[in-house]
Amino acid sequence: MRRTGSVAVVLSLALFATAAHAQSRRTSLTTSSSSRSSYSLLGAETVPTGVDVASGEFGYPGLSLGVTHGTSPTSDIGLRFDILYGFENMTDTQFGLGVRVPLRFTAYKRDRIGVLFHIDPGIKFYTTDPVSFGFQWPIGVTLGYTVGPELDVAFGVDVPMFLKVAASPVDFFIGPMFGPAFEYHVDRELTLGLNTRFGPIIETRRGNAEFGFITQFLIGYRL
């Protein structure tokens, strides 16, 4: 009888250990999978390697549609088409079109805090009379904080730059802009967010400065 009881105890312990190991493995795999699938378009985490995320940003100074592709664990590249109705983020209404190639790099990532740099080289034109055409290369840095699995908050410092080469005279617009951003992951695929920036925009040729701002709602979908 004592032998039968001992065997039962050993079998019970073995089954318990097996179940515990299986649960631990499932938790590990789930955590790993969640980590690999996470991304941020407004915060400090790039899109995972080989993953594509389509997105749209709607608000002022325009509408932006594009896709972002993960190139490494700490970098991604995108393509954006902009339909503009505010001249260089200012309150001056002017229709325009632009295309840019955002490049993002994670400079620091630890626990819930991250730092990301970006540069968005491209071209744009406005339907002024005569037409204004030039090159853009806005740069910026974002400090991001992961509040939880669904919510990211960030604070960005951007420097939009636009060199107008046509029509004459040549002009250059630049301005530091600051503001918070919020991003909510509805599920693994769908992301919603709000991006804001505020600051002066300086026209260097005449030395004028005007108030500029960005307020855009984000919709992102992992393909």
C-alpha atoms as a PDB file:
ATOM      1  CA  MET A   1       0.000   0.000   0.000  1.00  0.00           C
ATOM      2  CA  ARG A   2       2.848   2.366   0.870  1.00  0.00           C
ATOM      3  CA  ARG A   3       4.480   1.544  -2.513  1.00  0.00           C
ATOM      4  CA  THR A   4       1.249   2.355  -4.383  1.00  0.00           C
ATOM      5  CA  GLY A   5       0.954   5.656  -2.507  1.00  0.00           C
ATOM      6  CA  SER A   6       4.559   6.556  -3.336  1.00  0.00           C
ATOM      7  CA  VAL A   7       4.018   5.826  -7.024  1.00  0.00           C
ATOM      8  CA  ALA A   8       0.900   8.004  -7.011  1.00  0.00           C
ATOM      9  CA  VAL A   9       2.809  10.863  -5.394  1.00  0.00           C
ATOM     10  CA  VAL A  10       5.653  10.575  -7.936  1.00  0.00           C
ATOM     11  CA  LEU A  11       3.210  10.515 -10.863  1.00  0.00           C
ATOM     12  CA  SER A  12       1.345  13.530  -9.459  1.00  0.00           C
ATOM     13  CA  LEU A  13       4.572  15.494  -9.092  1.00  0.00           C
ATOM     14  CA  ALA A  14       5.628  14.554 -12.641  1.00  0.00           C
ATOM     15  CA  LEU A  15       2.305  15.645 -14.089  1.00  0.00           C
ATOM     16  CA  PHE A  16       2.462  18.912 -12.138  1.00  0.00           C
ATOM     17  CA  ALA A  17       5.994  19.620 -13.337  1.00  0.00           C
ATOM     18  CA  THR A  18       5.031  18.835 -16.953  1.00  0.00           C
ATOM     19  CA  ALA A  19       2.006  21.134 -16.784  1.00  0.00           C
ATOM     20  CA  ALA A  20       4.054  23.918 -15.224  1.00  0.00           C
ATOM     21  CA  HIS A  21       6.715  23.604 -17.932  1.00  0.00           C
ATOM     22  CA  ALA A  22       4.104  23.671 -20.682  1.00  0.00           C
ATOM     23  CA  GLN A  23       2.454  26.765 -19.201  1.00  0.00           C
ATOM     24  CA  SER A  24       5.823  28.492 -18.864  1.00  0.00           C
ATOM     25  CA  ARG A  25       6.645  27.697 -22.486  1.00  0.00           C
ATOM     26  CA  ARG A  26       3.293  29.027 -23.698  1.00  0.00           C
ATOM     27  CA  THR A  27       3.806  32.238 -21.713  1.00  0.00           C
ATOM     28  CA  SER A  28       7.302  32.642 -23.108  1.00  0.00           C
ATOM     29  CA  LEU A  29       6.133  32.114 -26.681  1.00  0.00           C
ATOM     30  CA  THR A  30       3.221  34.507 -26.224  1.00  0.00           C
ATOM     31  CA  THR A  31       5.475  37.188 -24.761  1.00  0.00           C
ATOM     32  CA  SER A  32       8.016  36.730 -27.542  1.00  0.00           C
ATOM     33  CA  SER A  33       5.333  36.854 -30.207  1.00  0.00           C
ATOM     34  CA  SER A  34       3.812  39.984 -28.661  1.00  0.00           C
ATOM     35  CA  SER A  35       7.214  41.647 -28.530  1.00  0.00           C
ATOM     36  CA  ARG A  36       7.902  40.857 -32.173  1.00  0.00           C
ATOM     37  CA  SER A  37       4.502  42.141 -33.306  1.00  0.00           C
ATOM     38  CA  SER A  38       4.603  45.472 -31.438  1.00  0.00           C
ATOM     39  CA  TYR A  39       5.270  48.690 -33.318  1.00  0.00           C
ATOM     40  CA  SER A  40       4.694  52.418 -33.096  1.00  0.00           C
ATOM     41  CA  LEU A  41       4.202  55.067 -35.769  1.00  0.00           C
ATOM     42  CA  LEU A  42       4.127  58.080 -33.439  1.00  0.00           C
ATOM     43  CA  GLY A  43       6.277  56.808 -30.576  1.00  0.00           C
ATOM     44  CA  ALA A  44       9.822  55.501 -30.240  1.00  0.00           C
ATOM     45  CA  GLU A  45       9.455  51.910 -31.492  1.00  0.00           C
ATOM     46  CA  THR A  46      10.066  51.072 -35.146  1.00  0.00           C
ATOM     47  CA  VAL A  47       8.144  48.555 -37.241  1.00  0.00           C
ATOM     48  CA  PRO A  48       9.514  44.978 -36.835  1.00  0.00           C
ATOM     49  CA  THR A  49      11.850  43.587 -39.475  1.00  0.00           C
ATOM     50  CA  GLY A  50      10.027  42.535 -42.638  1.00  0.00           C
ATOM     51  CA  VAL A  51       6.654  43.888 -41.466  1.00  0.00           C
ATOM     52  CA  ASP A  52       4.597  46.420 -43.467  1.00  0.00           C
ATOM     53  CA  VAL A  53       2.181  48.907 -41.896  1.00  0.00           C
ATOM     54  CA  ALA A  54      -0.175  51.041 -43.993  1.00  0.00           C
ATOM     55  CA  SER A  55      -1.269  54.327 -42.451  1.00  0.00           C
ATOM     56  CA  GLY A  56      -3.181  57.529 -42.974  1.00  0.00           C
ATOM     57  CA  GLU A  57      -2.916  60.828 -41.100  1.00  0.00           C
ATOM     58  CA  PHE A  58      -5.880  63.209 -41.324  1.00  0.00           C
ATOM     59  CA  GLY A  59      -6.076  66.802 -40.099  1.00  0.00           C
ATOM     60  CA  TYR A  60      -4.008  69.965 -40.479  1.00  0.00           C
ATOM     61  CA  PRO A  61      -1.957  70.905 -42.491  1.00  0.00           C
ATOM     62  CA  GLY A  62      -3.039  68.073 -44.751  1.00  0.00           C
ATOM     63  CA  LEU A  63      -3.684  64.422 -45.474  1.00  0.00           C
ATOM     64  CA  SER A  64      -0.854  61.869 -45.593  1.00  0.00           C
ATOM     65  CA  LEU A  65      -1.107  58.317 -46.919  1.00  0.00           C
ATOM     66  CA  GLY A  66       1.708  55.791 -46.952  1.00  0.00           C
ATOM     67  CA  VAL A  67       3.346  52.565 -45.863  1.00  0.00           C
ATOM     68  CA  THR A  68       6.204  51.798 -43.447  1.00  0.00           C
ATOM     69  CA  HIS A  69       8.510  48.769 -43.837  1.00  0.00           C
ATOM     70  CA  GLY A  70      10.690  47.368 -41.058  1.00  0.00           C
ATOM     71  CA  THR A  71      14.290  47.047 -42.231  1.00  0.00           C
ATOM     72  CA  SER A  72      15.921  45.914 -38.963  1.00  0.00           C
ATOM     73  CA  PRO A  73      15.091  45.594 -35.255  1.00  0.00           C
ATOM     74  CA  THR A  74      15.962  49.287 -34.811  1.00  0.00           C
ATOM     75  CA  SER A  75      15.075  50.943 -38.137  1.00  0.00           C
ATOM     76  CA  ASP A  76      12.363  51.262 -40.744  1.00  0.00           C
ATOM     77  CA  ILE A  77      11.688  53.140 -43.976  1.00  0.00           C
ATOM     78  CA  GLY A  78       8.489  54.545 -45.404  1.00  0.00           C
ATOM     79  CA  LEU A  79       6.877  56.241 -48.372  1.00  0.00           C
ATOM     80  CA  ARG A  80       4.382  59.083 -47.841  1.00  0.00           C
ATOM     81  CA  PHE A  81       2.160  61.031 -50.228  1.00  0.00           C
ATOM     82  CA  ASP A  82       0.942  64.352 -48.818  1.00  0.00           C
ATOM     83  CA  ILE A  83      -2.081  66.385 -49.886  1.00  0.00           C
ATOM     84  CA  LEU A  84      -1.537  69.805 -48.345  1.00  0.00           C
ATOM     85  CA  TYR A  85      -3.836  72.735 -47.710  1.00  0.00           C
ATOM     86  CA  GLY A  86      -1.703  74.689 -45.220  1.00  0.00           C
ATOM     87  CA  PHE A  87       1.526  76.348 -46.371  1.00  0.00           C
ATOM     88  CA  GLU A  88       4.450  74.974 -44.353  1.00  0.00           C
ATOM     89  CA  ASN A  89       2.313  74.148 -41.305  1.00  0.00           C
ATOM     90  CA  MET A  90       1.228  77.786 -41.022  1.00  0.00           C
ATOM     91  CA  THR A  91      -2.312  79.160 -41.007  1.00  0.00           C
ATOM     92  CA  ASP A  92      -1.919  80.399 -44.602  1.00  0.00           C
ATOM     93  CA  THR A  93      -4.219  78.274 -46.760  1.00  0.00           C
ATOM     94  CA  GLN A  94      -2.568  76.940 -49.911  1.00  0.00           C
ATOM     95  CA  PHE A  95      -3.064  73.697 -51.859  1.00  0.00           C
ATOM     96  CA  GLY A  96      -0.001  71.565 -52.444  1.00  0.00           C
ATOM     97  CA  LEU A  97       1.330  68.066 -53.006  1.00  0.00           C
ATOM     98  CA  GLY A  98       4.389  66.301 -51.661  1.00  0.00           C
ATOM     99  CA  VAL A  99       6.191  62.980 -51.465  1.00  0.00           C
ATOM    100  CA  ARG A 100       8.755  61.940 -48.879  1.00  0.00           C
ATOM    101  CA  VAL A 101      10.713  58.909 -47.663  1.00  0.00           C
ATOM    102  CA  PRO A 102      10.729  58.809 -43.836  1.00  0.00           C
ATOM    103  CA  LEU A 103      13.742  57.091 -42.271  1.00  0.00           C
ATOM    104  CA  ARG A 104      13.463  56.207 -38.567  1.00  0.00           C
ATOM    105  CA  PHE A 105      16.141  54.882 -36.203  1.00  0.00           C
ATOM    106  CA  THR A 106      15.830  53.791 -32.576  1.00  0.00           C
ATOM    107  CA  ALA A 107      18.666  55.419 -30.639  1.00  0.00           C
ATOM    108  CA  TYR A 108      17.757  54.124 -27.179  1.00  0.00           C
ATOM    109  CA  LYS A 109      15.371  51.506 -25.829  1.00  0.00           C
ATOM    110  CA  ARG A 110      15.133  50.256 -22.278  1.00  0.00           C
ATOM    111  CA  ASP A 111      12.111  48.890 -20.473  1.00  0.00           C
ATOM    112  CA  ARG A 112       9.231  51.271 -21.304  1.00  0.00           C
ATOM    113  CA  ILE A 113      11.293  54.250 -22.492  1.00  0.00           C
ATOM    114  CA  GLY A 114      12.681  54.797 -25.977  1.00  0.00           C
ATOM    115  CA  VAL A 115      14.278  57.517 -28.101  1.00  0.00           C
ATOM    116  CA  LEU A 116      13.857  57.636 -31.883  1.00  0.00           C
ATOM    117  CA  PHE A 117      15.377  59.865 -34.593  1.00  0.00           C
ATOM    118  CA  HIS A 118      13.850  60.495 -38.012  1.00  0.00           C
ATOM    119  CA  ILE A 119      14.525  62.352 -41.249  1.00  0.00           C
ATOM    120  CA  ASP A 120      11.972  62.662 -44.067  1.00  0.00           C
ATOM    121  CA  PRO A 121      13.682  63.713 -47.328  1.00  0.00           C
ATOM    122  CA  GLY A 122      11.416  64.506 -50.256  1.00  0.00           C
ATOM    123  CA  ILE A 123       9.948  67.119 -52.571  1.00  0.00           C
ATOM    124  CA  LYS A 124       6.802  69.265 -52.543  1.00  0.00           C
ATOM    125  CA  PHE A 125       5.093  72.028 -54.476  1.00  0.00           C
ATOM    126  CA  TYR A 126       2.331  74.533 -53.850  1.00  0.00           C
ATOM    127  CA  THR A 127      -0.119  75.965 -56.367  1.00  0.00           C
ATOM    128  CA  THR A 128       0.908  79.565 -55.765  1.00  0.00           C
ATOM    129  CA  ASP A 129       1.211  82.012 -58.670  1.00  0.00           C
ATOM    130  CA  PRO A 130       3.776  81.162 -59.913  1.00  0.00           C
ATOM    131  CA  VAL A 131       4.056  77.589 -58.581  1.00  0.00           C
ATOM    132  CA  SER A 132       6.411  77.064 -55.635  1.00  0.00           C
ATOM    133  CA  PHE A 133       8.615  73.954 -55.824  1.00  0.00           C
ATOM    134  CA  GLY A 134      11.374  72.739 -53.564  1.00  0.00           C
ATOM    135  CA  PHE A 135      13.050  70.119 -51.421  1.00  0.00           C
ATOM    136  CA  GLN A 136      12.167  69.103 -47.884  1.00  0.00           C
ATOM    137  CA  TRP A 137      14.095  67.195 -45.230  1.00  0.00           C
ATOM    138  CA  PRO A 138      12.386  67.602 -41.846  1.00  0.00           C
ATOM    139  CA  ILE A 139      14.259  66.025 -38.946  1.00  0.00           C
ATOM    140  CA  GLY A 140      13.214  65.233 -35.396  1.00  0.00           C
ATOM    141  CA  VAL A 141      13.586  63.229 -32.213  1.00  0.00           C
ATOM    142  CA  THR A 142      10.843  61.476 -30.239  1.00  0.00           C
ATOM    143  CA  LEU A 143      10.840  60.406 -26.613  1.00  0.00           C
ATOM    144  CA  GLY A 144       8.357  57.575 -26.162  1.00  0.00           C
ATOM    145  CA  TYR A 145       6.885  55.847 -23.118  1.00  0.00           C
ATOM    146  CA  THR A 146       4.892  52.606 -23.161  1.00  0.00           C
ATOM    147  CA  VAL A 147       2.085  53.009 -20.637  1.00  0.00           C
ATOM    148  CA  GLY A 148       0.758  49.505 -21.284  1.00  0.00           C
ATOM    149  CA  PRO A 149       0.372  46.893 -24.024  1.00  0.00           C
ATOM    150  CA  GLU A 150      -2.220  49.071 -25.783  1.00  0.00           C
ATOM    151  CA  LEU A 151      -1.131  52.662 -25.082  1.00  0.00           C
ATOM    152  CA  ASP A 152       1.989  54.640 -26.037  1.00  0.00           C
ATOM    153  CA  VAL A 153       2.595  58.303 -25.270  1.00  0.00           C
ATOM    154  CA  ALA A 154       5.362  60.414 -26.773  1.00  0.00           C
ATOM    155  CA  PHE A 155       6.812  63.896 -26.929  1.00  0.00           C
ATOM    156  CA  GLY A 156       8.483  65.046 -30.122  1.00  0.00           C
ATOM    157  CA  VAL A 157      10.798  67.853 -31.183  1.00  0.00           C
ATOM    158  CA  ASP A 158      10.730  68.381 -34.962  1.00  0.00           C
ATOM    159  CA  VAL A 159      12.497  70.823 -37.276  1.00  0.00           C
ATOM    160  CA  PRO A 160      10.618  71.064 -40.586  1.00  0.00           C
ATOM    161  CA  MET A 161      12.825  72.381 -43.407  1.00  0.00           C
ATOM    162  CA  PHE A 162      11.774  73.405 -46.912  1.00  0.00           C
ATOM    163  CA  LEU A 163      14.089  74.936 -49.537  1.00  0.00           C
ATOM    164  CA  LYS A 164      12.004  76.653 -52.217  1.00  0.00           C
ATOM    165  CA  VAL A 165      14.036  76.753 -55.429  1.00  0.00           C
ATOM    166  CA  ALA A 166      11.249  77.838 -57.807  1.00  0.00           C
ATOM    167  CA  ALA A 167       9.852  80.257 -58.528  1.00  0.00           C
ATOM    168  CA  SER A 168      12.464  82.931 -57.904  1.00  0.00           C
ATOM    169  CA  PRO A 169      13.585  84.142 -55.443  1.00  0.00           C
ATOM    170  CA  VAL A 170      14.992  81.149 -53.577  1.00  0.00           C
ATOM    171  CA  ASP A 171      13.627  80.931 -50.028  1.00  0.00           C
ATOM    172  CA  PHE A 172      14.127  78.698 -46.989  1.00  0.00           C
ATOM    173  CA  PHE A 173      11.600  77.833 -44.285  1.00  0.00           C
ATOM    174  CA  ILE A 174      12.600  76.313 -40.946  1.00  0.00           C
ATOM    175  CA  GLY A 175      11.115  76.145 -37.487  1.00  0.00           C
ATOM    176  CA  PRO A 176      11.370  74.179 -34.228  1.00  0.00           C
ATOM    177  CA  MET A 177       8.069  72.517 -33.297  1.00  0.00           C
ATOM    178  CA  PHE A 178       7.172  70.663 -30.104  1.00  0.00           C
ATOM    179  CA  GLY A 179       4.238  68.575 -28.983  1.00  0.00           C
ATOM    180  CA  PRO A 180       2.812  65.333 -27.569  1.00  0.00           C
ATOM    181  CA  ALA A 181       1.451  62.304 -29.389  1.00  0.00           C
ATOM    182  CA  PHE A 182      -0.758  59.434 -28.295  1.00  0.00           C
ATOM    183  CA  GLU A 183      -1.131  55.993 -29.856  1.00  0.00           C
ATOM    184  CA  TYR A 184      -3.636  53.276 -28.969  1.00  0.00           C
ATOM    185  CA  HIS A 185      -3.304  49.709 -30.282  1.00  0.00           C
ATOM    186  CA  VAL A 186      -6.838  48.387 -30.709  1.00  0.00           C
ATOM    187  CA  ASP A 187      -5.453  44.945 -31.555  1.00  0.00           C
ATOM    188  CA  ARG A 188      -2.411  43.391 -33.228  1.00  0.00           C
ATOM    189  CA  GLU A 189      -3.279  44.963 -36.585  1.00  0.00           C
ATOM    190  CA  LEU A 190      -5.167  48.222 -35.936  1.00  0.00           C
ATOM    191  CA  THR A 191      -3.666  51.345 -34.374  1.00  0.00           C
ATOM    192  CA  LEU A 192      -5.271  54.742 -33.692  1.00  0.00           C
ATOM    193  CA  GLY A 193      -3.457  57.884 -32.639  1.00  0.00           C
ATOM    194  CA  LEU A 194      -3.180  61.657 -32.394  1.00  0.00           C
ATOM    195  CA  ASN A 195      -0.073  63.639 -33.349  1.00  0.00           C
ATOM    196  CA  THR A 196       0.488  67.318 -32.449  1.00  0.00           C
ATOM    197  CA  ARG A 197       3.278  69.870 -32.916  1.00  0.00           C
ATOM    198  CA  PHE A 198       3.388  73.616 -32.248  1.00  0.00           C
ATOM    199  CA  GLY A 199       6.013  76.270 -32.877  1.00  0.00           C
ATOM    200  CA  PRO A 200       7.306  79.168 -35.000  1.00  0.00           C
ATOM    201  CA  ILE A 201       7.985  78.805 -38.717  1.00  0.00           C
ATOM    202  CA  ILE A 202      10.692  81.172 -39.968  1.00  0.00           C
ATOM    203  CA  GLU A 203      11.006  82.447 -43.537  1.00  0.00           C
ATOM    204  CA  THR A 204      14.728  83.211 -43.687  1.00  0.00           C
ATOM    205  CA  ARG A 205      14.686  85.459 -46.780  1.00  0.00           C
ATOM    206  CA  ARG A 206      12.592  88.133 -45.096  1.00  0.00           C
ATOM    207  CA  GLY A 207      13.201  87.143 -41.501  1.00  0.00           C
ATOM    208  CA  ASN A 208       9.506  86.670 -40.795  1.00  0.00           C
ATOM    209  CA  ALA A 209       8.163  84.173 -38.245  1.00  0.00           C
ATOM    210  CA  GLU A 210       4.607  82.851 -38.061  1.00  0.00           C
ATOM    211  CA  PHE A 211       2.857  80.398 -35.788  1.00  0.00           C
ATOM    212  CA  GLY A 212       2.724  76.846 -37.139  1.00  0.00           C
ATOM    213  CA  PHE A 213       0.989  73.721 -35.915  1.00  0.00           C
ATOM    214  CA  ILE A 214       0.228  70.108 -36.778  1.00  0.00           C
ATOM    215  CA  THR A 215      -2.846  68.254 -35.545  1.00  0.00           C
ATOM    216  CA  GLN A 216      -3.485  64.922 -37.254  1.00  0.00           C
ATOM    217  CA  PHE A 217      -5.396  61.764 -36.399  1.00  0.00           C
ATOM    218  CA  LEU A 218      -3.647  58.495 -37.237  1.00  0.00           C
ATOM    219  CA  ILE A 219      -5.024  55.206 -38.515  1.00  0.00           C
ATOM    220  CA  GLY A 220      -2.473  52.414 -38.965  1.00  0.00           C
ATOM    221  CA  TYR A 221      -2.997  48.823 -40.091  1.00  0.00           C
ATOM    222  CA  ARG A 222      -0.423  46.035 -40.062  1.00  0.00           C
ATOM    223  CA  LEU A 223      -0.527  44.207 -43.392  1.00  0.00           C
END
